[in-house]
Amino acid sequence: MPRLRFFLRGNRLFLVFLCGLALGCSSALKEDISREKEKVRKLLFDFYARDYPLVLFPFTNQSRGTNFAYLEEALPETVLLVIHSFEKDYTLVDGKEYLSLRGFPVALEDKIVSAKVPSWESYKTLLPMAITQVQVKIETNNRVIFTNRVTNITTTNVFRFLTNRYGDFLEKEFPGLVEELSRFPFSWRVEKPQPKATNLPSSVGFQPTNTVLPEWVYEGRVYGRFSVRENRMGPSEVEVTLVLVKIKASTTNQRELVIRAREDKLYEEILRRRGEIRQFYLEGELVDVEVLSEPEDANLYLDGVYMGRTPLVYEGVRPGYHILQFVKEGFETVSYRTQIQKGGTNVVRGILQPREMTGTITLLGESNRLVFLDSLYVGLTPLVVSNVSLFDSHVLLIRSEDRNYEDIYYSFTLTREKSDMVFAVGRGESVAQQQWKRNIAWGMCYGSWGLTIGFVGAHFYTSALRRYYEDQLYNPSLTEAQREAYASQVVWYGEWQQRLFTYGILSSLVSMGVTAYALSQEEVYLAYDPLRGQWGLGYSVRF
């Protein structure tokens, strides 16, 4: 019975070990498969990913007079500000249509079929190959000989991807990839004015000027024209027509925005209509966000892109989490991570706290010391210096009228939390004392390196003697007494060789430390130059 119990217990432990081993191998196999799939997914994303360029064309001046020619440059720059708000945003396209136009990535086929993912075997096939022996006619001595014609079909070990199942492959193996690829981030460029102005297209069926492939293009275009009704008694009235064109493969949409405003209000009117422009190009569900701040007139950044000054209503924002940043001179910068809800207008309010721009420093201790702040003389100690700027690096120099004493330096930065600082002013070290410390430091430096060189020389000397006595041991004419004496010399010099090597290493480390201390007394230090990408010696200039 005890043996049976031990046997059963041993089998249980063995089964537990096997189960743990199987689970570990299964987990490792899943991780390998996951890494292979992620590698292929990245390759596919890099192959298909692209942006949606917005091309801004020159504006056409339809006015007869030349007094308003400056609008030919001012209007595109204003529209470009609106286009800049598309940064970090995207437009939606039909992902399946886009992938069908791009087709199967032949350049990635080998990497896809070589991936070690068991579920992908059903998407592969072995490449069949037909080998045909062609009939050959040979004439020799008026005799015609024909060879046999044989056709053999063999199967090679080269795998190929079943391209007719590529859509199912993307949908099942990479869920969400098609949706991610259907989001084209915006980019933009500005076309230079042509020598002769061209008329705007009257229909949307014009040929694209920048195609990615011969058959299709994804691109947005902005044309413009303007006319001026001149008023000699006041601001003239300007009418601007923006032609927005959106090309997505075989689909082209066009919309015209007519903006009428006085010459001095044209900029604000164009920015007021930016929501319609964003809605046209961004597509999808968008909402309006009303942004307020206390105090008002703060610069607003949405996800790092400048939007304008508060208060404002920003139109065409995608629901979800966004970063709103409020910046105003004299106030602390405030950032909010807020969720923009679907439906209706979202209201966001930012509260800015005033920033203390200056602080004070107090110097106590020795009297009648000259005080310089950032190279400017501010008075004699004891002293209180006010109106010192915050968040800037400052250098404080305290100098004695007796030039036999070294200057005292302080480097400091005032912050909002630490806007008042107190410095103790002492007598400082005398010039003679400082020179004495330098002499002692360099004396120790020279002495330590001399000792290190001595250890190194003694190490090589004992090493040479050890080798000499080792060579003497091979002399056949030696007596036993001489052989024992030479052997003891080999052991003795070998031990001292090891000791001197250790002493040399320790002495070199001490010498480097003493040298660093001596250089610090001379304000010399080892520094890394990021521009040149190399280390070198530098010196500090305090004042």
Protein backbone atom coordinates (compact mmCIF):
# COMPACT_ATOMS: atom_id res chain seq x y z
CA MET A 1 0.00 0.00 0.00
CA PRO A 2 2.71 2.60 0.76
CA ARG A 3 4.38 1.80 -2.55
CA LEU A 4 1.04 2.14 -4.38
CA ARG A 5 0.34 5.49 -2.72
CA PHE A 6 3.80 6.73 -3.64
CA PHE A 7 3.28 5.56 -7.21
CA LEU A 8 -0.09 7.33 -7.49
CA ARG A 9 1.28 10.46 -5.91
CA GLY A 10 4.23 10.44 -8.30
CA ASN A 11 1.92 10.02 -11.27
CA ARG A 12 -0.19 12.94 -10.11
CA LEU A 13 2.84 15.17 -9.82
CA PHE A 14 4.00 14.04 -13.25
CA LEU A 15 0.57 14.82 -14.74
CA VAL A 16 0.58 18.25 -13.12
CA PHE A 17 4.04 18.85 -14.56
CA LEU A 18 2.87 17.77 -18.02
CA CYS A 19 -0.20 20.03 -17.83
CA GLY A 20 1.94 22.99 -16.78
CA LEU A 21 4.40 22.28 -19.57
CA ALA A 22 1.58 22.04 -22.12
CA LEU A 23 0.05 25.30 -20.92
CA GLY A 24 3.42 27.03 -21.08
CA CYS A 25 4.09 25.78 -24.60
CA SER A 26 0.58 26.78 -25.66
CA SER A 27 1.05 30.26 -24.25
CA ALA A 28 4.43 30.65 -25.98
CA LEU A 29 2.94 29.43 -29.27
CA LYS A 30 0.10 31.95 -29.02
CA GLU A 31 2.58 34.74 -28.39
CA ASP A 32 4.62 33.71 -31.44
CA ILE A 33 1.49 33.65 -33.60
CA SER A 34 0.41 37.03 -32.25
CA ARG A 35 3.82 38.53 -33.08
CA GLU A 36 3.72 37.11 -36.61
CA LYS A 37 0.25 38.54 -37.21
CA GLU A 38 1.21 41.92 -35.80
CA LYS A 39 4.27 42.04 -38.06
CA VAL A 40 2.18 41.34 -41.17
CA ARG A 41 -0.49 43.80 -40.03
CA LYS A 42 2.11 46.58 -39.78
CA LEU A 43 3.41 45.75 -43.25
CA LEU A 44 -0.09 45.90 -44.70
CA PHE A 45 -0.86 49.18 -42.93
CA ASP A 46 2.36 50.79 -44.18
CA PHE A 47 1.58 49.58 -47.71
CA TYR A 48 -1.96 50.97 -47.86
CA ALA A 49 -1.80 53.98 -45.54
CA ARG A 50 -1.89 57.37 -47.26
CA ASP A 51 -3.04 60.92 -46.63
CA TYR A 52 -5.73 63.10 -48.16
CA PRO A 53 -4.08 66.19 -49.67
CA LEU A 54 -5.96 69.48 -49.82
CA VAL A 55 -4.65 71.58 -52.71
CA LEU A 56 -5.20 75.32 -52.50
CA PHE A 57 -5.17 77.01 -55.91
CA PRO A 58 -4.60 80.73 -56.56
CA PHE A 59 -7.63 83.03 -56.36
CA THR A 60 -8.92 84.77 -59.48
CA ASN A 61 -9.41 88.54 -59.31
CA GLN A 62 -12.55 89.44 -61.25
CA SER A 63 -12.37 93.14 -60.37
CA ARG A 64 -11.31 95.69 -62.93
CA GLY A 65 -9.29 97.87 -60.60
CA THR A 66 -5.86 97.00 -59.26
CA ASN A 67 -6.27 98.59 -55.81
CA PHE A 68 -7.36 95.22 -54.40
CA ALA A 69 -4.65 93.04 -55.92
CA TYR A 70 -3.36 92.36 -52.40
CA LEU A 71 -6.40 90.12 -51.86
CA GLU A 72 -4.91 87.64 -54.31
CA GLU A 73 -2.40 86.78 -51.58
CA ALA A 74 -4.40 87.66 -48.46
CA LEU A 75 -7.42 85.45 -49.26
CA PRO A 76 -5.43 82.21 -49.86
CA GLU A 77 -3.53 82.83 -46.62
CA THR A 78 -6.82 83.21 -44.72
CA VAL A 79 -8.24 80.02 -46.25
CA LEU A 80 -4.98 78.26 -45.42
CA LEU A 81 -5.57 79.07 -41.74
CA VAL A 82 -8.87 77.20 -42.00
CA ILE A 83 -7.13 74.27 -43.70
CA HIS A 84 -4.53 74.18 -40.93
CA SER A 85 -7.32 73.37 -38.48
CA PHE A 86 -7.60 69.98 -40.26
CA GLU A 87 -4.24 68.98 -38.83
CA LYS A 88 -4.43 65.74 -36.79
CA ASP A 89 -7.87 65.07 -38.29
CA TYR A 90 -8.98 62.77 -41.07
CA THR A 91 -11.60 62.23 -43.75
CA LEU A 92 -13.57 59.03 -44.27
CA VAL A 93 -13.44 57.00 -47.49
CA ASP A 94 -14.91 53.67 -48.58
CA GLY A 95 -12.24 51.32 -47.28
CA LYS A 96 -13.29 48.29 -49.31
CA GLU A 97 -13.37 50.33 -52.53
CA TYR A 98 -9.94 51.77 -51.76
CA LEU A 99 -8.43 48.33 -51.10
CA SER A 100 -9.97 46.90 -54.26
CA LEU A 101 -8.43 49.74 -56.27
CA ARG A 102 -5.02 49.20 -54.73
CA GLY A 103 -5.32 45.46 -55.14
CA PHE A 104 -3.31 42.67 -53.55
CA PRO A 105 0.17 43.72 -52.33
CA VAL A 106 2.33 41.51 -54.53
CA ALA A 107 5.50 42.90 -52.95
CA LEU A 108 4.39 41.50 -49.57
CA GLU A 109 3.21 38.09 -50.79
CA ASP A 110 6.36 36.22 -49.72
CA LYS A 111 6.22 37.69 -46.22
CA ILE A 112 2.53 36.84 -45.86
CA VAL A 113 2.83 33.20 -46.99
CA SER A 114 6.00 32.67 -44.93
CA ALA A 115 4.33 33.81 -41.70
CA LYS A 116 3.96 30.92 -39.27
CA VAL A 117 0.25 31.27 -38.56
CA PRO A 118 -1.68 27.95 -38.75
CA SER A 119 -5.02 29.59 -39.59
CA TRP A 120 -3.52 31.11 -42.75
CA GLU A 121 -2.84 27.76 -44.41
CA SER A 122 -6.29 27.80 -46.03
CA TYR A 123 -5.30 31.00 -47.89
CA LYS A 124 -2.20 29.42 -49.48
CA THR A 125 -1.71 27.04 -52.37
CA LEU A 126 1.25 25.22 -53.86
CA LEU A 127 2.34 26.61 -57.20
CA PRO A 128 1.80 24.03 -60.03
CA MET A 129 4.35 24.00 -62.84
CA ALA A 130 4.09 22.48 -66.33
CA ILE A 131 7.30 21.16 -67.86
CA THR A 132 7.06 20.46 -71.60
CA GLN A 133 9.65 18.85 -73.79
CA VAL A 134 9.40 20.51 -77.17
CA GLN A 135 9.70 18.49 -80.39
CA VAL A 136 13.01 19.08 -82.17
CA LYS A 137 13.67 18.38 -85.86
CA ILE A 138 17.22 17.32 -86.70
CA GLU A 139 18.46 16.71 -90.28
CA THR A 140 21.66 14.69 -90.81
CA ASN A 141 22.71 13.09 -94.12
CA ASN A 142 19.23 13.60 -95.60
CA ARG A 143 17.77 11.77 -92.61
CA VAL A 144 15.18 13.46 -90.39
CA ILE A 145 15.05 12.58 -86.69
CA PHE A 146 12.18 13.75 -84.43
CA THR A 147 12.36 13.79 -80.67
CA ASN A 148 9.39 12.93 -78.50
CA ARG A 149 7.09 15.65 -77.11
CA VAL A 150 6.34 15.05 -73.43
CA THR A 151 4.42 17.34 -71.06
CA ASN A 152 4.69 16.81 -67.30
CA ILE A 153 2.80 18.83 -64.66
CA THR A 154 4.57 18.90 -61.30
CA THR A 155 3.85 20.65 -58.01
CA THR A 156 6.64 22.73 -56.54
CA ASN A 157 7.20 23.62 -52.89
CA VAL A 158 6.58 27.33 -53.59
CA PHE A 159 3.46 28.70 -51.89
CA ARG A 160 1.31 31.41 -53.39
CA PHE A 161 -1.51 33.42 -51.82
CA LEU A 162 -5.07 32.90 -53.04
CA THR A 163 -5.79 36.44 -54.13
CA ASN A 164 -9.47 35.69 -54.70
CA ARG A 165 -9.80 35.19 -50.92
CA TYR A 166 -7.86 38.31 -49.97
CA GLY A 167 -10.99 40.17 -48.83
CA ASP A 168 -11.99 37.34 -46.48
CA PHE A 169 -8.42 37.19 -45.21
CA LEU A 170 -8.41 40.86 -44.19
CA GLU A 171 -11.88 40.70 -42.65
CA LYS A 172 -11.26 37.58 -40.53
CA GLU A 173 -7.58 37.84 -39.64
CA PHE A 174 -7.32 41.62 -39.18
CA PRO A 175 -10.67 42.94 -37.94
CA GLY A 176 -10.65 46.72 -37.80
CA LEU A 177 -7.81 47.16 -40.32
CA VAL A 178 -10.13 48.14 -43.16
CA GLU A 179 -11.85 50.70 -40.94
CA GLU A 180 -8.49 52.11 -39.84
CA LEU A 181 -7.28 52.38 -43.44
CA SER A 182 -10.48 54.22 -44.42
CA ARG A 183 -9.34 57.21 -42.32
CA PHE A 184 -7.10 59.41 -44.45
CA PRO A 185 -5.24 62.09 -42.42
CA PHE A 186 -5.15 65.50 -44.04
CA SER A 187 -2.17 67.18 -45.64
CA TRP A 188 -2.06 70.29 -47.79
CA ARG A 189 -0.08 72.15 -50.37
CA VAL A 190 -0.41 75.48 -52.14
CA GLU A 191 -0.21 75.72 -55.92
CA LYS A 192 1.83 78.61 -57.25
CA PRO A 193 0.10 81.19 -59.45
CA GLN A 194 0.31 80.54 -63.18
CA PRO A 195 1.47 83.24 -65.59
CA LYS A 196 -2.02 83.33 -67.03
CA ALA A 197 -5.05 82.86 -64.86
CA THR A 198 -7.20 79.89 -65.81
CA ASN A 199 -10.96 79.81 -65.50
CA LEU A 200 -12.54 77.76 -62.80
CA PRO A 201 -14.09 74.46 -63.87
CA SER A 202 -17.75 74.83 -64.67
CA SER A 203 -18.53 71.23 -63.77
CA VAL A 204 -17.17 68.57 -61.52
CA GLY A 205 -16.08 66.34 -64.38
CA PHE A 206 -12.67 67.91 -64.91
CA GLN A 207 -9.49 65.83 -65.02
CA PRO A 208 -7.46 65.61 -61.78
CA THR A 209 -4.02 67.20 -61.83
CA ASN A 210 -2.36 64.87 -59.32
CA THR A 211 -3.26 61.20 -59.56
CA VAL A 212 -1.87 58.45 -57.40
CA LEU A 213 -2.73 55.78 -59.96
CA PRO A 214 -3.82 56.31 -63.58
CA GLU A 215 -7.40 55.27 -62.84
CA TRP A 216 -8.20 56.94 -59.53
CA VAL A 217 -7.29 59.74 -57.15
CA TYR A 218 -8.06 60.83 -53.58
CA GLU A 219 -7.69 64.57 -53.29
CA GLY A 220 -9.42 67.74 -52.16
CA ARG A 221 -9.15 71.07 -53.95
CA VAL A 222 -10.03 74.62 -53.08
CA TYR A 223 -10.49 77.23 -55.80
CA GLY A 224 -11.52 80.81 -55.30
CA ARG A 225 -12.51 83.99 -57.05
CA PHE A 226 -13.43 87.40 -55.73
CA SER A 227 -14.90 90.67 -56.91
CA VAL A 228 -14.95 94.05 -55.19
CA ARG A 229 -17.67 96.68 -55.18
CA GLU A 230 -15.60 99.74 -54.50
CA ASN A 231 -16.91 102.40 -52.13
CA ARG A 232 -14.93 105.63 -52.10
CA MET A 233 -16.73 106.91 -48.99
CA GLY A 234 -15.90 103.91 -46.77
CA PRO A 235 -14.88 100.25 -46.70
CA SER A 236 -15.56 98.44 -49.96
CA GLU A 237 -17.70 95.31 -50.18
CA VAL A 238 -15.96 92.09 -51.24
CA GLU A 239 -17.69 88.99 -52.58
CA VAL A 240 -15.63 85.79 -52.34
CA THR A 241 -16.67 82.52 -53.94
CA LEU A 242 -14.99 79.40 -52.62
CA VAL A 243 -15.26 76.29 -54.79
CA LEU A 244 -14.72 73.21 -52.66
CA VAL A 245 -13.97 70.02 -54.59
CA LYS A 246 -13.76 66.57 -53.01
CA ILE A 247 -12.48 63.67 -55.15
CA LYS A 248 -12.62 60.13 -53.78
CA ALA A 249 -11.83 57.50 -56.40
CA SER A 250 -14.66 57.61 -58.94
CA THR A 251 -16.81 60.01 -56.87
CA THR A 252 -16.42 63.78 -57.13
CA ASN A 253 -18.41 66.31 -55.10
CA GLN A 254 -18.38 70.07 -55.41
CA ARG A 255 -19.82 72.90 -53.34
CA GLU A 256 -19.70 76.66 -53.63
CA LEU A 257 -19.63 79.04 -50.68
CA VAL A 258 -20.42 82.68 -51.35
CA ILE A 259 -19.10 85.06 -48.70
CA ARG A 260 -19.98 88.76 -48.75
CA ALA A 261 -18.49 91.15 -46.26
CA ARG A 262 -16.89 94.55 -45.90
CA GLU A 263 -13.21 94.70 -46.64
CA ASP A 264 -12.30 95.16 -42.97
CA LYS A 265 -14.56 92.29 -41.83
CA LEU A 266 -13.66 89.76 -44.51
CA TYR A 267 -11.16 87.84 -42.38
CA GLU A 268 -13.65 87.25 -39.55
CA GLU A 269 -16.40 86.27 -41.98
CA ILE A 270 -14.25 83.59 -43.65
CA LEU A 271 -13.28 82.14 -40.28
CA ARG A 272 -16.93 82.16 -39.27
CA ARG A 273 -17.76 79.90 -42.23
CA ARG A 274 -14.98 77.38 -41.48
CA GLY A 275 -17.49 75.00 -39.91
CA GLU A 276 -19.13 74.48 -43.32
CA ILE A 277 -15.73 73.84 -44.89
CA ARG A 278 -14.82 71.31 -42.19
CA GLN A 279 -18.18 69.57 -42.51
CA PHE A 280 -17.71 69.22 -46.28
CA TYR A 281 -14.27 67.59 -46.10
CA LEU A 282 -14.31 65.73 -42.78
CA GLU A 283 -17.66 63.96 -43.17
CA GLY A 284 -19.09 61.71 -40.49
CA GLU A 285 -20.89 62.83 -37.34
CA LEU A 286 -19.61 66.21 -36.19
CA VAL A 287 -20.74 68.57 -33.43
CA ASP A 288 -20.18 72.19 -32.41
CA VAL A 289 -18.19 73.19 -29.34
CA GLU A 290 -18.67 76.51 -27.58
CA VAL A 291 -15.53 77.45 -25.66
CA LEU A 292 -15.53 80.08 -22.90
CA SER A 293 -12.76 81.21 -20.58
CA GLU A 294 -12.28 83.35 -17.50
CA PRO A 295 -10.80 85.78 -18.34
CA GLU A 296 -11.68 86.03 -22.01
CA ASP A 297 -9.35 86.56 -24.97
CA ALA A 298 -7.28 83.44 -24.29
CA ASN A 299 -5.58 81.54 -27.10
CA LEU A 300 -7.27 78.18 -27.62
CA TYR A 301 -5.55 75.03 -28.89
CA LEU A 302 -7.55 71.92 -29.78
CA ASP A 303 -5.35 68.80 -29.78
CA GLY A 304 -2.32 71.04 -30.24
CA VAL A 305 -3.77 73.02 -33.18
CA TYR A 306 -4.50 76.73 -32.77
CA MET A 307 -8.23 77.48 -33.05
CA GLY A 308 -8.53 81.17 -32.16
CA ARG A 309 -9.33 83.36 -29.17
CA THR A 310 -12.09 82.80 -26.65
CA PRO A 311 -15.01 83.06 -26.56
CA LEU A 312 -15.72 81.18 -29.77
CA VAL A 313 -17.92 78.47 -31.25
CA TYR A 314 -15.88 75.85 -33.05
CA GLU A 315 -17.83 73.88 -35.59
CA GLY A 316 -17.15 70.46 -37.02
CA VAL A 317 -15.51 68.60 -34.12
CA ARG A 318 -15.58 64.81 -33.94
CA PRO A 319 -17.14 63.35 -30.79
CA GLY A 320 -14.68 61.74 -28.40
CA TYR A 321 -11.87 62.81 -26.11
CA HIS A 322 -9.95 65.97 -27.00
CA ILE A 323 -7.28 68.13 -25.33
CA LEU A 324 -8.23 71.80 -24.93
CA GLN A 325 -5.44 74.16 -23.94
CA PHE A 326 -5.90 77.78 -22.84
CA VAL A 327 -2.90 80.14 -23.09
CA LYS A 328 -2.91 83.77 -22.00
CA GLU A 329 -0.03 86.05 -21.13
CA GLY A 330 0.21 86.68 -17.41
CA PHE A 331 -1.81 83.54 -16.55
CA GLU A 332 -0.99 79.92 -15.95
CA THR A 333 -1.54 77.66 -18.98
CA VAL A 334 -4.50 75.32 -18.40
CA SER A 335 -5.20 72.06 -20.24
CA TYR A 336 -8.40 70.03 -20.09
CA ARG A 337 -9.01 66.53 -21.40
CA THR A 338 -12.70 66.64 -22.13
CA GLN A 339 -15.15 64.32 -23.84
CA ILE A 340 -17.17 65.85 -26.64
CA GLN A 341 -20.63 64.30 -26.63
CA LYS A 342 -22.73 63.47 -29.67
CA GLY A 343 -25.74 65.62 -30.45
CA GLY A 344 -26.17 69.31 -29.68
CA THR A 345 -23.59 71.93 -28.83
CA ASN A 346 -21.00 71.13 -26.17
CA VAL A 347 -19.93 73.92 -23.82
CA VAL A 348 -16.42 73.96 -22.34
CA ARG A 349 -15.26 76.59 -19.86
CA GLY A 350 -11.65 77.21 -18.89
CA ILE A 351 -10.60 79.07 -15.74
CA LEU A 352 -7.12 80.61 -15.76
CA GLN A 353 -5.23 81.61 -12.64
CA PRO A 354 -3.01 84.73 -12.69
CA ARG A 355 0.70 84.05 -12.65
CA GLU A 356 3.05 85.81 -10.29
CA MET A 357 5.70 87.15 -12.64
CA THR A 358 8.32 88.32 -10.11
CA GLY A 359 9.84 87.31 -6.79
CA THR A 360 12.39 88.54 -4.24
CA ILE A 361 15.81 87.45 -2.96
CA THR A 362 17.29 88.37 0.41
CA LEU A 363 21.02 88.46 1.23
CA LEU A 364 22.05 88.30 4.90
CA GLY A 365 25.40 87.97 6.65
CA GLU A 366 28.61 89.89 5.96
CA SER A 367 28.11 93.61 5.34
CA ASN A 368 29.35 95.85 2.55
CA ARG A 369 29.66 93.12 -0.06
CA LEU A 370 29.06 94.14 -3.68
CA VAL A 371 26.07 92.29 -5.19
CA PHE A 372 25.64 91.70 -8.95
CA LEU A 373 22.54 90.04 -10.38
CA ASP A 374 22.91 88.82 -13.98
CA SER A 375 25.98 91.09 -14.43
CA LEU A 376 24.13 94.18 -13.12
CA TYR A 377 25.10 95.89 -9.86
CA VAL A 378 22.13 95.96 -7.45
CA GLY A 379 23.66 97.19 -4.14
CA LEU A 380 25.58 96.29 -0.96
CA THR A 381 24.75 93.60 1.59
CA PRO A 382 22.56 93.20 3.56
CA LEU A 383 20.11 93.61 0.70
CA VAL A 384 16.61 92.70 -0.52
CA VAL A 385 16.21 92.50 -4.33
CA SER A 386 12.66 92.54 -5.63
CA ASN A 387 11.11 92.22 -9.09
CA VAL A 388 13.24 89.18 -9.96
CA SER A 389 11.62 87.37 -12.88
CA LEU A 390 10.24 83.88 -12.36
CA PHE A 391 11.08 80.77 -14.38
CA ASP A 392 14.38 82.26 -15.62
CA SER A 393 17.90 81.19 -14.68
CA HIS A 394 19.80 83.86 -12.72
CA VAL A 395 23.43 84.22 -11.59
CA LEU A 396 24.18 86.03 -8.33
CA LEU A 397 27.72 87.33 -7.72
CA ILE A 398 28.86 88.52 -4.28
CA ARG A 399 32.21 90.31 -4.33
CA SER A 400 34.30 91.65 -1.46
CA GLU A 401 36.00 95.02 -1.72
CA ASP A 402 39.11 93.27 -0.45
CA ARG A 403 40.39 91.59 -3.60
CA ASN A 404 42.30 89.09 -1.49
CA TYR A 405 39.04 87.07 -1.25
CA GLU A 406 37.43 84.97 -3.93
CA ASP A 407 34.05 85.89 -5.40
CA ILE A 408 30.98 83.90 -4.34
CA TYR A 409 28.56 82.65 -7.02
CA TYR A 410 25.00 81.38 -6.79
CA SER A 411 22.84 80.03 -9.65
CA PHE A 412 19.10 79.91 -8.98
CA THR A 413 15.64 79.94 -10.57
CA LEU A 414 12.54 81.34 -8.91
CA THR A 415 9.21 79.59 -9.38
CA ARG A 416 5.67 80.36 -8.38
CA GLU A 417 5.94 77.94 -5.43
CA LYS A 418 9.36 79.28 -4.42
CA SER A 419 9.28 82.97 -5.28
CA ASP A 420 11.31 84.15 -2.24
CA MET A 421 14.86 82.95 -1.55
CA VAL A 422 17.39 83.81 1.18
CA PHE A 423 21.17 83.63 0.65
CA ALA A 424 23.75 83.61 3.46
CA VAL A 425 26.73 85.84 2.69
CA GLY A 426 29.98 84.68 4.26
CA ARG A 427 33.52 85.95 4.10
CA GLY A 428 34.50 83.47 1.42
CA GLU A 429 37.85 81.92 0.76
CA SER A 430 40.89 84.08 0.38
CA VAL A 431 42.84 84.06 -2.87
CA ALA A 432 45.88 82.66 -1.03
CA GLN A 433 43.80 79.88 0.50
CA GLN A 434 42.28 79.02 -2.87
CA GLN A 435 45.73 78.99 -4.50
CA TRP A 436 47.01 76.78 -1.70
CA LYS A 437 44.19 74.30 -2.33
CA ARG A 438 44.99 74.26 -6.02
CA ASN A 439 48.67 73.65 -5.34
CA ILE A 440 47.86 70.80 -2.97
CA ALA A 441 45.42 69.29 -5.49
CA TRP A 442 47.97 69.38 -8.34
CA GLY A 443 50.73 68.10 -6.09
CA MET A 444 48.56 65.11 -5.15
CA CYS A 445 47.74 64.65 -8.83
CA TYR A 446 51.37 64.55 -9.92
CA GLY A 447 52.33 62.33 -6.97
CA SER A 448 49.56 59.81 -7.58
CA TRP A 449 50.36 59.49 -11.28
CA GLY A 450 54.06 59.14 -10.45
CA LEU A 451 53.22 56.33 -8.04
CA THR A 452 51.03 54.71 -10.71
CA ILE A 453 53.86 54.84 -13.25
CA GLY A 454 56.18 53.33 -10.64
CA PHE A 455 53.79 50.43 -10.05
CA VAL A 456 53.48 49.84 -13.79
CA GLY A 457 57.27 49.88 -14.27
CA ALA A 458 57.81 47.53 -11.32
CA HIS A 459 55.13 45.20 -12.74
CA PHE A 460 56.96 44.88 -16.07
CA TYR A 461 60.33 44.49 -14.28
CA THR A 462 59.11 41.62 -12.09
CA SER A 463 57.41 40.06 -15.11
CA ALA A 464 60.71 40.09 -17.00
CA LEU A 465 62.58 38.53 -14.05
CA ARG A 466 59.93 35.82 -13.69
CA ARG A 467 60.29 34.89 -17.36
CA TYR A 468 64.10 34.92 -17.01
CA TYR A 469 64.07 32.42 -14.14
CA GLU A 470 61.48 30.29 -15.92
CA ASP A 471 63.83 30.05 -18.93
CA GLN A 472 66.72 29.04 -16.62
CA LEU A 473 64.74 26.05 -15.41
CA TYR A 474 65.12 24.47 -18.86
CA ASN A 475 68.96 24.48 -18.54
CA PRO A 476 70.00 20.79 -18.29
CA SER A 477 73.28 21.60 -16.52
CA LEU A 478 71.55 22.90 -13.38
CA THR A 479 71.95 21.08 -10.10
CA GLU A 480 68.96 20.26 -7.92
CA ALA A 481 69.83 23.04 -5.50
CA GLN A 482 70.02 25.59 -8.31
CA ARG A 483 66.77 24.32 -9.81
CA GLU A 484 64.95 24.69 -6.45
CA ALA A 485 66.38 28.22 -6.03
CA TYR A 486 65.25 29.27 -9.52
CA ALA A 487 61.79 27.74 -8.93
CA SER A 488 61.38 29.72 -5.69
CA GLN A 489 62.40 32.90 -7.58
CA VAL A 490 59.76 32.21 -10.23
CA VAL A 491 57.07 31.86 -7.55
CA TRP A 492 58.24 34.95 -5.65
CA TYR A 493 58.40 37.23 -8.71
CA GLY A 494 55.08 35.84 -9.97
CA GLU A 495 53.35 36.77 -6.72
CA TRP A 496 54.81 40.28 -6.80
CA GLN A 497 53.82 40.65 -10.43
CA GLN A 498 50.18 40.05 -9.51
CA ARG A 499 50.40 42.36 -6.50
CA LEU A 500 51.94 45.19 -8.52
CA PHE A 501 49.27 44.79 -11.19
CA THR A 502 46.55 45.20 -8.56
CA TYR A 503 48.36 48.15 -6.97
CA GLY A 504 48.70 49.78 -10.40
CA ILE A 505 44.95 49.46 -11.12
CA LEU A 506 43.99 50.91 -7.74
CA SER A 507 46.56 53.70 -8.04
CA SER A 508 45.30 54.66 -11.52
CA LEU A 509 41.72 54.93 -10.22
CA VAL A 510 42.86 57.14 -7.34
CA SER A 511 44.93 59.23 -9.75
CA MET A 512 41.94 59.85 -12.02
CA GLY A 513 39.86 60.94 -9.03
CA VAL A 514 42.58 63.32 -7.82
CA THR A 515 42.98 64.70 -11.36
CA ALA A 516 39.22 65.36 -11.58
CA TYR A 517 39.38 67.22 -8.26
CA ALA A 518 42.34 69.32 -9.45
CA LEU A 519 40.56 70.18 -12.70
CA SER A 520 37.45 71.17 -10.76
CA GLN A 521 39.55 73.67 -8.85
CA GLU A 522 40.47 75.21 -12.21
CA GLU A 523 36.82 75.17 -13.39
CA VAL A 524 37.66 72.56 -16.06
CA TYR A 525 35.32 69.63 -16.59
CA LEU A 526 34.57 66.80 -19.04
CA ALA A 527 31.51 67.58 -21.15
CA TYR A 528 29.60 66.05 -24.06
CA ASP A 529 29.00 68.24 -27.12
CA PRO A 530 25.67 67.11 -28.72
CA LEU A 531 26.32 69.13 -31.88
CA ARG A 532 29.64 67.45 -32.62
CA GLY A 533 28.64 64.18 -31.00
CA GLN A 534 31.87 63.84 -29.00
CA TRP A 535 33.30 64.29 -25.51
CA GLY A 536 35.81 66.99 -24.69
CA LEU A 537 37.21 69.30 -22.03
CA GLY A 538 35.42 72.53 -21.30
CA TYR A 539 35.52 75.29 -18.75
CA SER A 540 32.74 77.08 -16.88
CA VAL A 541 32.30 80.83 -17.08
CA ARG A 542 30.36 82.01 -14.08
CA PHE A 543 30.26 85.70 -14.72
